[in-house]
Amino acid sequence: MTARLAQREAALAVVALLAAVAALAATKARSGSRSLPAAVGTYAALAGSSATGAFATHTDCGTIVAPTTEGVAHPVLPCGIRLFLTFRDRTVLTQVIAHSPTLATAPFDLSAPLAKRLGLEGVAWIRWSYAAAG
């Protein structure tokens, strides 16, 4: 290896290191922000049906449902993924605790405690977004 090639490789390594540090700093700055992520969509949600309401049972995600369990069933989103749900002026952080059964017309099935916390009854439109990994 020539001296010139070694210098070029060292310079590229320094540039890559600086880029990684800058990316990390930008990510840390954004994660400290209090603003919510942009909404992924607006969908109908069902308050407290059987998918999230059978106490003392395990959901297909492995969550044991208790009378105080807050969570959401969704047919496609992976178990444990954290979401922001917004109904009217209330936003909560929750997670997917079950997959099915959900209604095709209301893919988000909220547990009764979560629906109560949001003030949602019956079927209503909610906004949702992924919670940033932190």
N, C-alpha and C. Protein backbone atom coordinates (compact mmCIF):
# COMPACT_ATOMS: atom_id res chain seq x y z
N MET A 1 0.84 -1.16 0.00
CA MET A 1 0.00 0.00 0.00
C MET A 1 0.90 1.24 0.00
N THR A 2 0.58 2.17 -0.86
CA THR A 2 1.37 3.39 -0.94
C THR A 2 0.97 4.36 0.15
N ALA A 3 1.84 5.31 0.42
CA ALA A 3 1.57 6.30 1.46
C ALA A 3 0.36 7.16 1.09
N ARG A 4 0.25 7.47 -0.20
CA ARG A 4 -0.88 8.30 -0.65
C ARG A 4 -2.21 7.56 -0.45
N LEU A 5 -2.25 6.27 -0.75
CA LEU A 5 -3.46 5.48 -0.57
C LEU A 5 -3.82 5.38 0.92
N ALA A 6 -2.82 5.22 1.76
CA ALA A 6 -3.05 5.15 3.21
C ALA A 6 -3.62 6.47 3.72
N GLN A 7 -3.10 7.60 3.21
CA GLN A 7 -3.62 8.91 3.62
C GLN A 7 -5.08 9.07 3.20
N ARG A 8 -5.37 8.64 1.98
CA ARG A 8 -6.74 8.75 1.46
C ARG A 8 -7.69 7.91 2.32
N GLU A 9 -7.29 6.69 2.67
CA GLU A 9 -8.14 5.83 3.50
C GLU A 9 -8.34 6.44 4.89
N ALA A 10 -7.30 7.02 5.45
CA ALA A 10 -7.41 7.66 6.77
C ALA A 10 -8.36 8.86 6.70
N ALA A 11 -8.25 9.64 5.63
CA ALA A 11 -9.12 10.81 5.48
C ALA A 11 -10.57 10.37 5.32
N LEU A 12 -10.82 9.33 4.56
CA LEU A 12 -12.18 8.82 4.39
C LEU A 12 -12.73 8.29 5.72
N ALA A 13 -11.90 7.65 6.51
CA ALA A 13 -12.33 7.14 7.81
C ALA A 13 -12.72 8.30 8.73
N VAL A 14 -11.96 9.39 8.71
CA VAL A 14 -12.27 10.56 9.53
C VAL A 14 -13.60 11.18 9.07
N VAL A 15 -13.81 11.28 7.76
CA VAL A 15 -15.06 11.84 7.24
C VAL A 15 -16.24 10.96 7.65
N ALA A 16 -16.08 9.66 7.56
CA ALA A 16 -17.16 8.75 7.96
C ALA A 16 -17.45 8.88 9.46
N LEU A 17 -16.42 9.01 10.28
CA LEU A 17 -16.60 9.18 11.72
C LEU A 17 -17.33 10.49 12.02
N LEU A 18 -16.94 11.57 11.36
CA LEU A 18 -17.61 12.85 11.57
C LEU A 18 -19.08 12.78 11.14
N ALA A 19 -19.36 12.11 10.04
CA ALA A 19 -20.75 11.96 9.58
C ALA A 19 -21.57 11.17 10.59
N ALA A 20 -20.99 10.12 11.16
CA ALA A 20 -21.69 9.32 12.15
C ALA A 20 -21.98 10.14 13.41
N VAL A 21 -21.03 10.95 13.85
CA VAL A 21 -21.22 11.79 15.03
C VAL A 21 -22.30 12.83 14.76
N ALA A 22 -22.29 13.43 13.58
CA ALA A 22 -23.32 14.42 13.22
C ALA A 22 -24.71 13.77 13.17
N ALA A 23 -24.81 12.58 12.60
CA ALA A 23 -26.09 11.88 12.54
C ALA A 23 -26.59 11.54 13.93
N LEU A 24 -25.72 11.10 14.80
CA LEU A 24 -26.10 10.78 16.18
C LEU A 24 -26.57 12.03 16.91
N ALA A 25 -25.88 13.14 16.74
CA ALA A 25 -26.27 14.39 17.38
C ALA A 25 -27.63 14.86 16.88
N ALA A 26 -27.88 14.73 15.58
CA ALA A 26 -29.18 15.14 15.02
C ALA A 26 -30.29 14.25 15.56
N THR A 27 -30.04 12.97 15.67
CA THR A 27 -31.04 12.04 16.20
C THR A 27 -31.35 12.36 17.66
N LYS A 28 -30.34 12.62 18.46
CA LYS A 28 -30.53 12.95 19.88
C LYS A 28 -31.32 14.25 20.01
N ALA A 29 -31.05 15.23 19.17
CA ALA A 29 -31.75 16.51 19.24
C ALA A 29 -33.22 16.33 18.93
N ARG A 30 -33.53 15.51 17.93
CA ARG A 30 -34.93 15.28 17.57
C ARG A 30 -35.65 14.48 18.62
N SER A 31 -34.99 13.51 19.26
CA SER A 31 -35.67 12.68 20.25
C SER A 31 -36.01 13.47 21.50
N GLY A 32 -35.32 14.58 21.75
CA GLY A 32 -35.63 15.42 22.89
C GLY A 32 -36.81 16.33 22.63
N SER A 33 -37.30 16.37 21.42
CA SER A 33 -38.41 17.24 21.07
C SER A 33 -39.70 16.73 21.69
N ARG A 34 -40.58 17.65 22.08
CA ARG A 34 -41.86 17.28 22.69
C ARG A 34 -42.96 17.11 21.65
N SER A 35 -42.70 17.43 20.39
CA SER A 35 -43.76 17.32 19.40
C SER A 35 -43.99 15.86 19.02
N LEU A 36 -45.23 15.55 18.68
CA LEU A 36 -45.58 14.18 18.30
C LEU A 36 -45.16 13.90 16.87
N PRO A 37 -44.86 12.65 16.55
CA PRO A 37 -44.59 12.31 15.16
C PRO A 37 -45.82 12.58 14.30
N ALA A 38 -45.59 12.77 13.03
CA ALA A 38 -46.71 13.01 12.11
C ALA A 38 -47.65 11.81 12.12
N ALA A 39 -48.94 12.09 12.00
CA ALA A 39 -49.93 11.01 11.99
C ALA A 39 -49.72 10.13 10.78
N VAL A 40 -49.77 8.84 10.98
CA VAL A 40 -49.66 7.89 9.89
C VAL A 40 -51.01 7.77 9.19
N GLY A 41 -52.08 7.91 9.96
CA GLY A 41 -53.38 7.79 9.34
C GLY A 41 -54.51 8.06 10.30
N THR A 42 -55.69 8.13 9.75
CA THR A 42 -56.90 8.30 10.53
C THR A 42 -57.80 7.11 10.22
N TYR A 43 -58.16 6.38 11.25
CA TYR A 43 -58.94 5.16 11.08
C TYR A 43 -60.02 5.07 12.14
N ALA A 44 -61.00 4.24 11.89
CA ALA A 44 -62.03 3.99 12.89
C ALA A 44 -61.47 3.10 13.98
N ALA A 45 -61.91 3.36 15.20
CA ALA A 45 -61.50 2.55 16.35
C ALA A 45 -62.74 2.12 17.11
N LEU A 46 -62.66 0.95 17.68
CA LEU A 46 -63.76 0.37 18.45
C LEU A 46 -63.36 0.34 19.91
N ALA A 47 -64.22 0.78 20.78
CA ALA A 47 -63.92 0.82 22.21
C ALA A 47 -64.29 -0.51 22.87
N GLY A 48 -63.27 -1.16 23.44
CA GLY A 48 -63.45 -2.29 24.34
C GLY A 48 -64.25 -3.48 23.86
N SER A 49 -63.89 -4.10 22.75
CA SER A 49 -64.60 -5.32 22.33
C SER A 49 -63.89 -6.55 22.89
N SER A 50 -64.27 -7.72 22.40
CA SER A 50 -63.76 -8.97 22.96
C SER A 50 -62.28 -9.22 22.71
N ALA A 51 -61.68 -8.59 21.69
CA ALA A 51 -60.27 -8.85 21.40
C ALA A 51 -59.36 -8.38 22.53
N THR A 52 -59.78 -7.34 23.24
CA THR A 52 -58.95 -6.80 24.31
C THR A 52 -59.65 -6.85 25.66
N GLY A 53 -60.78 -7.56 25.77
CA GLY A 53 -61.56 -7.49 26.99
C GLY A 53 -61.76 -8.78 27.75
N ALA A 54 -61.18 -9.89 27.32
CA ALA A 54 -61.37 -11.16 28.03
C ALA A 54 -60.34 -11.26 29.15
N PHE A 55 -60.75 -10.95 30.37
CA PHE A 55 -59.83 -10.87 31.49
C PHE A 55 -59.21 -12.22 31.83
N ALA A 56 -57.97 -12.15 32.34
CA ALA A 56 -57.20 -13.30 32.79
C ALA A 56 -56.89 -14.27 31.65
N THR A 57 -56.87 -13.78 30.44
CA THR A 57 -56.49 -14.61 29.30
C THR A 57 -55.27 -13.99 28.63
N HIS A 58 -54.58 -14.81 27.87
CA HIS A 58 -53.45 -14.33 27.08
C HIS A 58 -53.95 -13.95 25.69
N THR A 59 -53.50 -12.82 25.19
CA THR A 59 -53.80 -12.47 23.81
C THR A 59 -52.84 -13.23 22.91
N ASP A 60 -53.04 -13.15 21.61
CA ASP A 60 -52.10 -13.81 20.70
C ASP A 60 -50.73 -13.15 20.73
N CYS A 61 -50.60 -12.00 21.35
CA CYS A 61 -49.30 -11.34 21.53
C CYS A 61 -48.65 -11.74 22.85
N GLY A 62 -49.36 -12.53 23.68
CA GLY A 62 -48.80 -12.98 24.94
C GLY A 62 -49.11 -12.07 26.12
N THR A 63 -49.89 -11.02 25.91
CA THR A 63 -50.27 -10.12 27.00
C THR A 63 -51.37 -10.75 27.83
N ILE A 64 -51.21 -10.72 29.15
CA ILE A 64 -52.28 -11.17 30.04
C ILE A 64 -53.20 -9.98 30.27
N VAL A 65 -54.46 -10.13 29.91
CA VAL A 65 -55.42 -9.03 30.00
C VAL A 65 -56.01 -8.98 31.41
N ALA A 66 -55.89 -7.82 32.03
CA ALA A 66 -56.47 -7.55 33.35
C ALA A 66 -57.48 -6.41 33.18
N PRO A 67 -58.29 -6.17 34.19
CA PRO A 67 -59.28 -5.09 34.08
C PRO A 67 -58.66 -3.71 33.84
N THR A 68 -57.37 -3.56 34.14
CA THR A 68 -56.71 -2.27 33.97
C THR A 68 -55.79 -2.21 32.75
N THR A 69 -55.74 -3.28 31.98
CA THR A 69 -54.83 -3.35 30.83
C THR A 69 -55.21 -2.33 29.76
N GLU A 70 -54.23 -1.50 29.39
CA GLU A 70 -54.42 -0.55 28.31
C GLU A 70 -53.63 -1.05 27.10
N GLY A 71 -54.28 -1.11 25.97
CA GLY A 71 -53.61 -1.54 24.76
C GLY A 71 -54.60 -1.57 23.62
N VAL A 72 -54.10 -1.97 22.46
CA VAL A 72 -54.91 -1.96 21.25
C VAL A 72 -54.68 -3.26 20.48
N ALA A 73 -55.74 -3.74 19.86
CA ALA A 73 -55.63 -4.87 18.93
C ALA A 73 -55.64 -4.28 17.52
N HIS A 74 -54.79 -4.82 16.68
CA HIS A 74 -54.75 -4.39 15.27
C HIS A 74 -54.39 -5.62 14.44
N PRO A 75 -55.02 -5.80 13.29
CA PRO A 75 -54.81 -7.03 12.52
C PRO A 75 -53.43 -7.18 11.88
N VAL A 76 -52.69 -6.10 11.71
CA VAL A 76 -51.44 -6.17 10.97
C VAL A 76 -50.22 -5.69 11.75
N LEU A 77 -50.36 -4.66 12.55
CA LEU A 77 -49.21 -4.10 13.26
C LEU A 77 -48.60 -5.13 14.21
N PRO A 78 -47.28 -5.16 14.33
CA PRO A 78 -46.63 -6.18 15.16
C PRO A 78 -46.89 -6.00 16.66
N CYS A 79 -46.90 -7.11 17.36
CA CYS A 79 -47.08 -7.11 18.81
C CYS A 79 -46.02 -6.22 19.46
N GLY A 80 -46.46 -5.45 20.45
CA GLY A 80 -45.54 -4.64 21.23
C GLY A 80 -45.16 -3.31 20.62
N ILE A 81 -45.52 -3.06 19.36
CA ILE A 81 -45.14 -1.79 18.76
C ILE A 81 -45.88 -0.67 19.47
N ARG A 82 -45.16 0.41 19.73
CA ARG A 82 -45.73 1.52 20.48
C ARG A 82 -46.30 2.55 19.52
N LEU A 83 -47.48 3.06 19.89
CA LEU A 83 -48.22 3.98 19.04
C LEU A 83 -48.74 5.16 19.84
N PHE A 84 -48.87 6.29 19.17
CA PHE A 84 -49.63 7.40 19.72
C PHE A 84 -51.01 7.33 19.10
N LEU A 85 -52.05 7.37 19.92
CA LEU A 85 -53.43 7.43 19.46
C LEU A 85 -54.00 8.76 19.91
N THR A 86 -54.70 9.45 19.01
CA THR A 86 -55.30 10.73 19.34
C THR A 86 -56.78 10.68 19.01
N PHE A 87 -57.59 11.05 19.99
CA PHE A 87 -59.04 11.18 19.81
C PHE A 87 -59.42 12.54 20.37
N ARG A 88 -60.00 13.34 19.50
CA ARG A 88 -60.32 14.72 19.85
C ARG A 88 -59.05 15.42 20.31
N ASP A 89 -58.99 15.90 21.53
CA ASP A 89 -57.81 16.63 21.99
C ASP A 89 -56.92 15.81 22.92
N ARG A 90 -57.17 14.51 23.00
CA ARG A 90 -56.39 13.66 23.90
C ARG A 90 -55.48 12.73 23.11
N THR A 91 -54.23 12.66 23.53
CA THR A 91 -53.26 11.77 22.91
C THR A 91 -52.67 10.87 23.98
N VAL A 92 -52.60 9.57 23.68
CA VAL A 92 -52.00 8.62 24.62
C VAL A 92 -50.96 7.78 23.89
N LEU A 93 -50.01 7.30 24.68
CA LEU A 93 -49.01 6.36 24.18
C LEU A 93 -49.46 4.98 24.61
N THR A 94 -49.54 4.05 23.68
CA THR A 94 -49.99 2.69 23.99
C THR A 94 -49.20 1.71 23.14
N GLN A 95 -49.60 0.45 23.17
CA GLN A 95 -48.93 -0.55 22.34
C GLN A 95 -49.93 -1.59 21.85
N VAL A 96 -49.53 -2.31 20.81
CA VAL A 96 -50.35 -3.38 20.27
C VAL A 96 -50.22 -4.58 21.21
N ILE A 97 -51.37 -5.05 21.73
CA ILE A 97 -51.37 -6.19 22.66
C ILE A 97 -52.09 -7.40 22.08
N ALA A 98 -52.72 -7.25 20.91
CA ALA A 98 -53.46 -8.36 20.30
C ALA A 98 -53.63 -8.08 18.81
N HIS A 99 -53.97 -9.14 18.07
CA HIS A 99 -54.20 -8.98 16.64
C HIS A 99 -55.66 -9.12 16.24
N SER A 100 -56.32 -10.09 16.78
CA SER A 100 -57.66 -10.34 16.28
C SER A 100 -58.55 -10.84 17.40
N PRO A 101 -59.82 -10.85 17.23
CA PRO A 101 -60.52 -10.37 16.05
C PRO A 101 -60.73 -8.85 16.11
N THR A 102 -60.65 -8.21 14.99
CA THR A 102 -60.99 -6.80 14.87
C THR A 102 -61.96 -6.66 13.71
N LEU A 103 -62.68 -5.59 13.67
CA LEU A 103 -63.61 -5.34 12.58
C LEU A 103 -62.88 -4.74 11.39
N ALA A 104 -63.26 -5.13 10.19
CA ALA A 104 -62.66 -4.54 8.99
C ALA A 104 -62.94 -3.05 8.93
N THR A 105 -64.09 -2.64 9.44
CA THR A 105 -64.46 -1.23 9.40
C THR A 105 -63.81 -0.43 10.52
N ALA A 106 -63.28 -1.10 11.54
CA ALA A 106 -62.60 -0.44 12.66
C ALA A 106 -61.39 -1.27 13.06
N PRO A 107 -60.26 -1.10 12.35
CA PRO A 107 -59.10 -1.97 12.59
C PRO A 107 -58.43 -1.78 13.95
N PHE A 108 -58.65 -0.67 14.62
CA PHE A 108 -58.10 -0.46 15.95
C PHE A 108 -59.16 -0.81 16.99
N ASP A 109 -58.86 -1.79 17.83
CA ASP A 109 -59.77 -2.21 18.89
C ASP A 109 -59.10 -1.86 20.22
N LEU A 110 -59.59 -0.85 20.88
CA LEU A 110 -58.99 -0.37 22.11
C LEU A 110 -59.54 -1.10 23.32
N SER A 111 -58.66 -1.41 24.28
CA SER A 111 -59.15 -1.99 25.53
C SER A 111 -60.04 -0.96 26.22
N ALA A 112 -60.94 -1.44 27.07
CA ALA A 112 -61.88 -0.54 27.75
C ALA A 112 -61.17 0.55 28.56
N PRO A 113 -60.10 0.22 29.34
CA PRO A 113 -59.42 1.28 30.08
C PRO A 113 -58.78 2.32 29.16
N LEU A 114 -58.23 1.88 28.02
CA LEU A 114 -57.63 2.83 27.08
C LEU A 114 -58.69 3.70 26.43
N ALA A 115 -59.81 3.09 26.05
CA ALA A 115 -60.90 3.86 25.45
C ALA A 115 -61.43 4.89 26.45
N LYS A 116 -61.54 4.50 27.71
CA LYS A 116 -62.02 5.43 28.74
C LYS A 116 -61.04 6.59 28.90
N ARG A 117 -59.75 6.28 28.91
CA ARG A 117 -58.73 7.32 29.05
C ARG A 117 -58.80 8.33 27.90
N LEU A 118 -59.13 7.85 26.71
CA LEU A 118 -59.26 8.74 25.55
C LEU A 118 -60.63 9.41 25.48
N GLY A 119 -61.58 8.89 26.22
CA GLY A 119 -62.94 9.43 26.13
C GLY A 119 -63.69 8.91 24.92
N LEU A 120 -63.32 7.73 24.43
CA LEU A 120 -63.91 7.16 23.23
C LEU A 120 -64.96 6.12 23.61
N GLU A 121 -66.12 6.22 23.00
CA GLU A 121 -67.18 5.24 23.20
C GLU A 121 -67.66 4.75 21.84
N GLY A 122 -68.00 3.47 21.76
CA GLY A 122 -68.49 2.91 20.50
C GLY A 122 -67.42 2.92 19.43
N VAL A 123 -67.80 3.32 18.22
CA VAL A 123 -66.85 3.42 17.11
C VAL A 123 -66.65 4.89 16.80
N ALA A 124 -65.39 5.31 16.70
CA ALA A 124 -65.07 6.70 16.41
C ALA A 124 -63.78 6.76 15.59
N TRP A 125 -63.52 7.88 14.98
CA TRP A 125 -62.30 8.08 14.19
C TRP A 125 -61.18 8.56 15.09
N ILE A 126 -60.01 7.93 14.96
CA ILE A 126 -58.82 8.33 15.71
C ILE A 126 -57.69 8.61 14.72
N ARG A 127 -56.72 9.39 15.17
CA ARG A 127 -55.46 9.55 14.44
C ARG A 127 -54.42 8.69 15.16
N TRP A 128 -53.48 8.16 14.41
CA TRP A 128 -52.43 7.37 15.04
C TRP A 128 -51.11 7.62 14.36
N SER A 129 -50.03 7.38 15.10
CA SER A 129 -48.68 7.45 14.54
C SER A 129 -47.80 6.50 15.34
N TYR A 130 -46.71 6.12 14.72
CA TYR A 130 -45.72 5.30 15.42
C TYR A 130 -45.03 6.14 16.47
N ALA A 131 -44.73 5.55 17.60
CA ALA A 131 -43.93 6.22 18.61
C ALA A 131 -42.47 6.04 18.22
N ALA A 132 -41.70 7.07 18.30
CA ALA A 132 -40.28 6.99 17.95
C ALA A 132 -39.58 6.05 18.93
N ALA A 133 -38.71 5.22 18.41
CA ALA A 133 -37.92 4.34 19.27
C ALA A 133 -36.98 5.19 20.09
N GLY A 134 -36.88 4.92 21.34
CA GLY A 134 -36.03 5.77 22.18
C GLY A 134 -35.23 4.99 23.04
